[in-house]
Amino acid sequence: MNRTARYCIRRLAQAVPTVFLVVLGNFLLLRLAPGDLVDVIAGESGAATAEYLEQLRQQFGLDKSLLEQFLAYIKNIAQLNLGYSFRYNTPVAELILDRMPATLLLATAGITLAVIVGVTLGALSARFRGSLLDEAISILATMGFAVPVFWFGLMAVVLFSVKLNWLPIGGMTTIGLFGASWWTHVLDVATHLILPALTLSIFYVALYSRITRSAMLEVYQFDYVRTARAKGISEARVVLHHVLRNALLPIVTLTGLQLGAILGGSIVIETVFSWPGLGRLAFDAVASRDLNLLLGLFLINSLLVITMNLLIDILYAALDPRIEVT
């Protein structure tokens, strides 16, 4: 067994108590919060009797003690069972698997756009430090930090969907495309993806550009950069092969963390654009007090964060030979 495999096994073993603590914390926070699914059902019906509500609590297992509920939940997780959503009358795992592709598509598109545009702007800003271009990029980055994401999304809908009628208002697909070619479906999803992905990327474009600029300015001071220039290597080659490559490590870290925190970052975007992903599912679960669904979503998000941290450490070693996984 090589060193990387041993490192992965050890990190996965260390992740077990972390996941347990996350599960315990989420369970206690949600169970100790006032109200439950039965209260929501009672409020919606308006005429539910006390006997009927008590029957529902027995059916959902809410009449048991907190310890009994937690032990039952841990037993289900050990059996790879995330529980049952009584609100949707569907297993939680099935709901999550059904919504996950939409969130992965949105997050991948948004983060990819943010990395490409943000790193490009940061590299240009560092290369032409002190110029008008540097000042313009800094102003744009500041605006990206200052503008609320939900406000930008709403204004984008008003401009591009309502006023100009260029892009759809929300959703992931157009109703009534049954029987169309696969290429038509791909173009339809891509058209619906533009505004959510653009909105999701705004803040991260500003973040990546500032981090790239700072990292590249630091690398510019190293001796090997001056040596490369003294050898007559073109400035473009110096920037791409010597400066930018060595400034990518913080970008890799940030990108991995953002992909890991996929649920928290997509709730607002998916709600504004009615995107049928995990974020919208989490929002609806909070509104309906669907605790089993919320616990399942939090668990999946925790596992994503742990997995991305492991992949970042391995990728670090691949990008920088000085770093070893031990």
Protein backbone atom coordinates (compact mmCIF):
# COMPACT_ATOMS: atom_id res chain seq x y z
CA MET A 1 0.00 0.00 0.00
CA ASN A 2 1.53 3.34 -1.06
CA ARG A 3 1.80 6.45 1.06
CA THR A 4 -1.18 8.21 -0.52
CA ALA A 5 -3.50 5.25 0.12
CA ARG A 6 -2.41 5.02 3.76
CA TYR A 7 -2.94 8.76 4.15
CA CYS A 8 -6.48 8.51 2.70
CA ILE A 9 -7.39 5.62 5.01
CA ARG A 10 -6.10 7.48 8.07
CA ARG A 11 -7.99 10.65 7.13
CA LEU A 12 -11.20 8.71 6.56
CA ALA A 13 -10.81 7.08 9.97
CA GLN A 14 -10.34 10.53 11.52
CA ALA A 15 -13.51 11.69 9.77
CA VAL A 16 -15.71 9.20 11.67
CA PRO A 17 -15.77 11.11 15.01
CA THR A 18 -16.12 14.37 13.09
CA VAL A 19 -19.22 13.11 11.29
CA PHE A 20 -20.64 11.79 14.57
CA LEU A 21 -20.23 15.18 16.26
CA VAL A 22 -21.81 16.91 13.26
CA VAL A 23 -24.76 14.51 13.36
CA LEU A 24 -25.14 14.99 17.12
CA GLY A 25 -24.98 18.78 16.88
CA ASN A 26 -27.47 18.97 14.01
CA PHE A 27 -29.84 16.56 15.72
CA LEU A 28 -29.85 18.47 19.00
CA LEU A 29 -30.25 21.86 17.34
CA LEU A 30 -33.19 20.74 15.23
CA ARG A 31 -34.91 18.67 17.91
CA LEU A 32 -34.58 21.35 20.58
CA ALA A 33 -35.95 24.07 18.31
CA PRO A 34 -39.58 24.97 19.05
CA GLY A 35 -42.22 23.33 16.89
CA ASP A 36 -42.20 20.20 14.75
CA LEU A 37 -43.85 18.72 11.67
CA VAL A 38 -47.03 17.94 13.62
CA ASP A 39 -47.37 21.59 14.63
CA VAL A 40 -47.09 22.62 10.97
CA ILE A 41 -49.74 20.10 9.96
CA ALA A 42 -52.00 21.31 12.76
CA GLY A 43 -51.58 24.91 11.62
CA GLU A 44 -52.38 24.03 8.02
CA SER A 45 -55.45 21.94 8.82
CA GLY A 46 -56.85 24.37 11.37
CA ALA A 47 -59.27 21.76 12.71
CA ALA A 48 -57.03 18.89 13.82
CA THR A 49 -58.03 17.29 17.11
CA ALA A 50 -55.64 16.61 19.97
CA GLU A 51 -56.12 12.86 19.46
CA TYR A 52 -55.17 13.11 15.79
CA LEU A 53 -52.06 15.16 16.58
CA GLU A 54 -51.00 12.67 19.22
CA GLN A 55 -51.47 9.86 16.70
CA LEU A 56 -49.24 11.71 14.24
CA ARG A 57 -46.53 12.15 16.89
CA GLN A 58 -46.59 8.43 17.56
CA GLN A 59 -46.42 7.71 13.84
CA PHE A 60 -43.43 10.04 13.35
CA GLY A 61 -41.70 8.82 16.51
CA LEU A 62 -41.87 12.25 18.14
CA ASP A 63 -43.46 10.86 21.31
CA LYS A 64 -40.23 9.11 22.30
CA SER A 65 -37.48 10.64 24.42
CA LEU A 66 -34.69 12.65 22.80
CA LEU A 67 -32.17 9.87 23.50
CA GLU A 68 -34.39 7.21 21.94
CA GLN A 69 -34.90 9.35 18.84
CA PHE A 70 -31.15 9.95 18.50
CA LEU A 71 -30.25 6.26 18.91
CA ALA A 72 -32.85 5.33 16.31
CA TYR A 73 -31.41 7.92 13.93
CA ILE A 74 -27.84 6.67 14.44
CA LYS A 75 -29.03 3.11 13.79
CA ASN A 76 -30.61 4.24 10.53
CA ILE A 77 -27.43 6.01 9.42
CA ALA A 78 -25.35 2.91 10.19
CA GLN A 79 -27.70 1.04 7.84
CA LEU A 80 -27.26 3.79 5.18
CA ASN A 81 -30.84 4.85 5.78
CA LEU A 82 -31.40 8.62 6.01
CA GLY A 83 -34.97 8.20 7.16
CA TYR A 84 -38.33 9.05 5.68
CA SER A 85 -39.74 12.44 4.73
CA PHE A 86 -43.30 12.42 6.00
CA ARG A 87 -43.85 15.75 4.27
CA TYR A 88 -43.05 14.39 0.80
CA ASN A 89 -44.01 10.77 1.57
CA THR A 90 -40.65 9.74 0.11
CA PRO A 91 -37.38 8.37 1.53
CA VAL A 92 -34.92 11.17 2.28
CA ALA A 93 -32.13 9.53 0.26
CA GLU A 94 -34.38 9.39 -2.79
CA LEU A 95 -35.24 13.09 -2.48
CA ILE A 96 -31.59 14.08 -2.12
CA LEU A 97 -30.42 11.95 -5.04
CA ASP A 98 -33.20 13.39 -7.18
CA ARG A 99 -32.23 17.02 -6.42
CA MET A 100 -28.43 16.67 -6.20
CA PRO A 101 -27.67 16.76 -9.98
CA ALA A 102 -29.32 20.19 -10.30
CA THR A 103 -27.27 21.63 -7.43
CA LEU A 104 -24.04 20.04 -8.69
CA LEU A 105 -24.68 21.52 -12.13
CA LEU A 106 -25.35 24.99 -10.72
CA ALA A 107 -22.39 24.92 -8.33
CA THR A 108 -19.97 23.57 -10.95
CA ALA A 109 -21.03 26.15 -13.51
CA GLY A 110 -20.89 29.02 -11.02
CA ILE A 111 -17.54 28.10 -9.48
CA THR A 112 -15.96 27.35 -12.89
CA LEU A 113 -17.08 30.74 -14.20
CA ALA A 114 -15.82 32.43 -11.03
CA VAL A 115 -12.41 30.73 -11.21
CA ILE A 116 -11.86 31.52 -14.90
CA VAL A 117 -12.96 35.16 -14.70
CA GLY A 118 -11.59 35.83 -11.20
CA VAL A 119 -8.13 34.36 -11.82
CA THR A 120 -7.89 36.15 -15.17
CA LEU A 121 -8.80 39.50 -13.64
CA GLY A 122 -6.46 38.92 -10.69
CA ALA A 123 -3.58 38.01 -12.99
CA LEU A 124 -4.14 41.11 -15.13
CA SER A 125 -4.37 43.27 -12.01
CA ALA A 126 -1.09 41.90 -10.65
CA ARG A 127 0.67 42.10 -14.00
CA PHE A 128 -0.30 45.77 -14.50
CA ARG A 129 -0.12 46.83 -10.87
CA GLY A 130 -0.84 50.51 -10.31
CA SER A 131 -2.36 51.04 -13.77
CA LEU A 132 -5.85 52.16 -14.65
CA LEU A 133 -6.72 48.55 -15.41
CA ASP A 134 -5.66 47.56 -11.90
CA GLU A 135 -7.81 50.31 -10.41
CA ALA A 136 -10.82 49.33 -12.54
CA ILE A 137 -10.54 45.68 -11.52
CA SER A 138 -10.22 46.68 -7.86
CA ILE A 139 -13.41 48.77 -8.13
CA LEU A 140 -15.27 45.87 -9.76
CA ALA A 141 -14.04 43.50 -7.04
CA THR A 142 -15.23 45.87 -4.31
CA MET A 143 -18.64 46.08 -5.97
CA GLY A 144 -18.76 42.28 -6.13
CA PHE A 145 -18.17 42.12 -2.38
CA ALA A 146 -20.69 44.86 -1.59
CA VAL A 147 -23.66 43.88 -3.75
CA PRO A 148 -26.02 41.40 -2.01
CA VAL A 149 -26.38 38.20 -4.02
CA PHE A 150 -30.18 38.08 -3.78
CA TRP A 151 -30.45 41.71 -4.95
CA PHE A 152 -28.21 41.07 -7.95
CA GLY A 153 -30.29 38.00 -8.83
CA LEU A 154 -33.56 39.91 -8.64
CA MET A 155 -32.18 42.79 -10.72
CA ALA A 156 -30.85 40.30 -13.30
CA VAL A 157 -34.33 38.78 -13.57
CA VAL A 158 -35.91 42.21 -14.00
CA LEU A 159 -33.42 43.25 -16.69
CA PHE A 160 -32.76 40.10 -18.72
CA SER A 161 -36.07 38.28 -18.21
CA VAL A 162 -38.77 40.90 -17.71
CA LYS A 163 -37.46 43.92 -19.65
CA LEU A 164 -35.36 42.36 -22.43
CA ASN A 165 -37.03 38.91 -22.47
CA TRP A 166 -33.67 37.28 -23.31
CA LEU A 167 -33.58 34.63 -20.60
CA PRO A 168 -36.17 32.62 -18.63
CA ILE A 169 -37.26 33.91 -15.24
CA GLY A 170 -36.63 30.72 -13.30
CA GLY A 171 -36.78 26.98 -13.18
CA MET A 172 -34.44 24.48 -14.82
CA THR A 173 -36.40 23.48 -17.92
CA THR A 174 -39.22 24.78 -20.07
CA ILE A 175 -42.57 23.10 -19.61
CA GLY A 176 -43.80 21.40 -22.77
CA LEU A 177 -40.51 20.17 -24.26
CA PHE A 178 -41.49 16.51 -24.04
CA GLY A 179 -40.41 14.65 -27.15
CA ALA A 180 -37.83 17.25 -28.20
CA SER A 181 -34.31 16.22 -29.17
CA TRP A 182 -31.58 15.84 -26.54
CA TRP A 183 -29.76 18.84 -28.01
CA THR A 184 -32.85 20.98 -27.53
CA HIS A 185 -33.04 19.88 -23.88
CA VAL A 186 -29.33 20.69 -23.36
CA LEU A 187 -29.76 24.19 -24.81
CA ASP A 188 -32.88 24.72 -22.73
CA VAL A 189 -31.12 23.79 -19.46
CA ALA A 190 -28.09 25.90 -20.43
CA THR A 191 -30.34 28.90 -21.06
CA HIS A 192 -32.02 28.49 -17.66
CA LEU A 193 -28.58 28.07 -16.03
CA ILE A 194 -27.10 31.40 -17.19
CA LEU A 195 -28.67 33.75 -14.64
CA PRO A 196 -28.31 31.49 -11.55
CA ALA A 197 -24.69 30.62 -12.39
CA LEU A 198 -23.84 34.26 -13.08
CA THR A 199 -25.43 35.37 -9.82
CA LEU A 200 -23.68 32.63 -7.85
CA SER A 201 -20.30 33.57 -9.34
CA ILE A 202 -20.40 37.34 -8.70
CA PHE A 203 -19.08 37.24 -5.14
CA TYR A 204 -16.50 34.56 -5.92
CA VAL A 205 -15.19 36.42 -8.97
CA ALA A 206 -14.34 39.31 -6.68
CA LEU A 207 -12.83 36.95 -4.10
CA TYR A 208 -10.71 34.99 -6.57
CA SER A 209 -9.45 38.14 -8.27
CA ARG A 210 -8.24 39.66 -4.98
CA ILE A 211 -6.63 36.44 -3.79
CA THR A 212 -4.94 35.85 -7.17
CA ARG A 213 -3.61 39.40 -7.25
CA SER A 214 -2.22 39.16 -3.72
CA ALA A 215 -0.65 35.74 -4.30
CA MET A 216 0.94 36.75 -7.60
CA LEU A 217 2.40 39.97 -6.21
CA GLU A 218 4.03 37.88 -3.48
CA VAL A 219 5.44 35.39 -5.99
CA TYR A 220 6.80 38.23 -8.15
CA GLN A 221 9.27 39.00 -5.33
CA PHE A 222 10.91 35.56 -5.41
CA ASP A 223 14.41 35.08 -6.79
CA TYR A 224 13.47 32.50 -9.39
CA VAL A 225 11.18 35.03 -11.10
CA ARG A 226 14.02 37.53 -11.41
CA THR A 227 16.28 34.73 -12.64
CA ALA A 228 13.77 33.74 -15.31
CA ARG A 229 13.56 37.31 -16.53
CA ALA A 230 17.37 37.60 -16.54
CA LYS A 231 17.52 34.54 -18.81
CA GLY A 232 15.45 36.40 -21.38
CA ILE A 233 12.23 34.41 -20.93
CA SER A 234 9.22 36.29 -22.26
CA GLU A 235 7.02 38.05 -19.71
CA ALA A 236 3.99 36.00 -20.74
CA ARG A 237 5.89 32.76 -20.06
CA VAL A 238 7.13 34.11 -16.73
CA VAL A 239 3.57 34.96 -15.68
CA LEU A 240 2.00 31.68 -16.79
CA HIS A 241 4.70 29.15 -15.92
CA HIS A 242 6.44 30.71 -12.93
CA VAL A 243 4.16 33.21 -11.21
CA LEU A 244 0.57 32.07 -11.79
CA ARG A 245 1.33 28.37 -11.33
CA ASN A 246 2.89 28.97 -7.91
CA ALA A 247 0.06 31.31 -6.91
CA LEU A 248 -2.67 28.72 -7.55
CA LEU A 249 -2.49 26.92 -4.19
CA PRO A 250 -4.76 29.37 -2.31
CA ILE A 251 -7.17 29.27 -5.28
CA VAL A 252 -7.28 25.48 -5.07
CA THR A 253 -8.02 25.69 -1.34
CA LEU A 254 -10.81 28.20 -1.77
CA THR A 255 -12.38 26.34 -4.70
CA GLY A 256 -12.42 23.08 -2.78
CA LEU A 257 -14.02 24.69 0.24
CA GLN A 258 -16.69 26.36 -1.88
CA LEU A 259 -17.58 23.11 -3.63
CA GLY A 260 -17.72 21.43 -0.24
CA ALA A 261 -20.08 24.05 1.16
CA ILE A 262 -22.38 23.56 -1.81
CA LEU A 263 -25.65 23.51 0.16
CA GLY A 264 -25.22 26.73 2.12
CA GLY A 265 -24.15 28.73 -0.91
CA SER A 266 -27.01 27.62 -3.12
CA ILE A 267 -30.03 28.17 -0.86
CA VAL A 268 -30.52 31.84 -1.74
CA ILE A 269 -29.77 31.39 -5.46
CA GLU A 270 -32.03 28.38 -5.87
CA THR A 271 -34.85 30.12 -4.00
CA VAL A 272 -34.62 33.29 -6.11
CA PHE A 273 -34.53 31.41 -9.42
CA SER A 274 -36.77 28.45 -8.42
CA TRP A 275 -33.90 26.11 -9.22
CA PRO A 276 -34.91 22.55 -8.18
CA GLY A 277 -31.79 21.64 -6.19
CA LEU A 278 -30.72 20.83 -2.66
CA GLY A 279 -30.77 24.47 -1.56
CA ARG A 280 -34.41 24.91 -2.52
CA LEU A 281 -35.18 21.56 -0.91
CA ALA A 282 -33.52 22.71 2.33
CA PHE A 283 -35.51 25.96 2.27
CA ASP A 284 -38.79 24.09 1.86
CA ALA A 285 -37.78 21.60 4.58
CA VAL A 286 -37.18 24.44 7.05
CA ALA A 287 -40.55 25.99 6.23
CA SER A 288 -42.36 22.68 6.74
CA ARG A 289 -40.25 21.54 9.74
CA ASP A 290 -39.26 18.34 7.91
CA LEU A 291 -36.50 17.41 10.38
CA ASN A 292 -35.57 14.07 8.82
CA LEU A 293 -34.97 15.76 5.49
CA LEU A 294 -32.95 18.56 7.09
CA LEU A 295 -30.79 16.07 8.99
CA GLY A 296 -30.14 14.16 5.78
CA LEU A 297 -29.18 17.33 3.89
CA PHE A 298 -26.82 18.47 6.67
CA LEU A 299 -25.19 15.04 6.80
CA ILE A 300 -24.60 14.95 3.03
CA ASN A 301 -23.18 18.48 3.12
CA SER A 302 -20.80 17.52 5.96
CA LEU A 303 -19.59 14.50 4.01
CA LEU A 304 -18.99 16.72 0.97
CA VAL A 305 -16.89 19.14 3.03
CA ILE A 306 -14.78 16.31 4.49
CA THR A 307 -14.30 14.72 1.06
CA MET A 308 -13.28 18.00 -0.56
CA ASN A 309 -10.75 18.72 2.20
CA LEU A 310 -9.16 15.31 1.58
CA LEU A 311 -9.02 15.90 -2.18
CA ILE A 312 -7.47 19.34 -1.63
CA ASP A 313 -4.65 17.87 0.46
CA ILE A 314 -3.92 15.27 -2.24
CA LEU A 315 -4.07 17.90 -4.99
CA TYR A 316 -1.67 20.10 -3.02
CA ALA A 317 0.94 17.37 -3.17
CA ALA A 318 0.41 17.04 -6.93
CA LEU A 319 0.76 20.79 -7.56
CA ASP A 320 3.71 21.39 -5.24
CA PRO A 321 6.37 18.63 -5.07
CA ARG A 322 7.64 20.09 -1.79
CA ILE A 323 4.40 18.97 -0.09
CA GLU A 324 4.04 15.31 0.85
CA VAL A 325 1.05 13.40 2.16
CA THR A 326 2.20 11.59 5.29
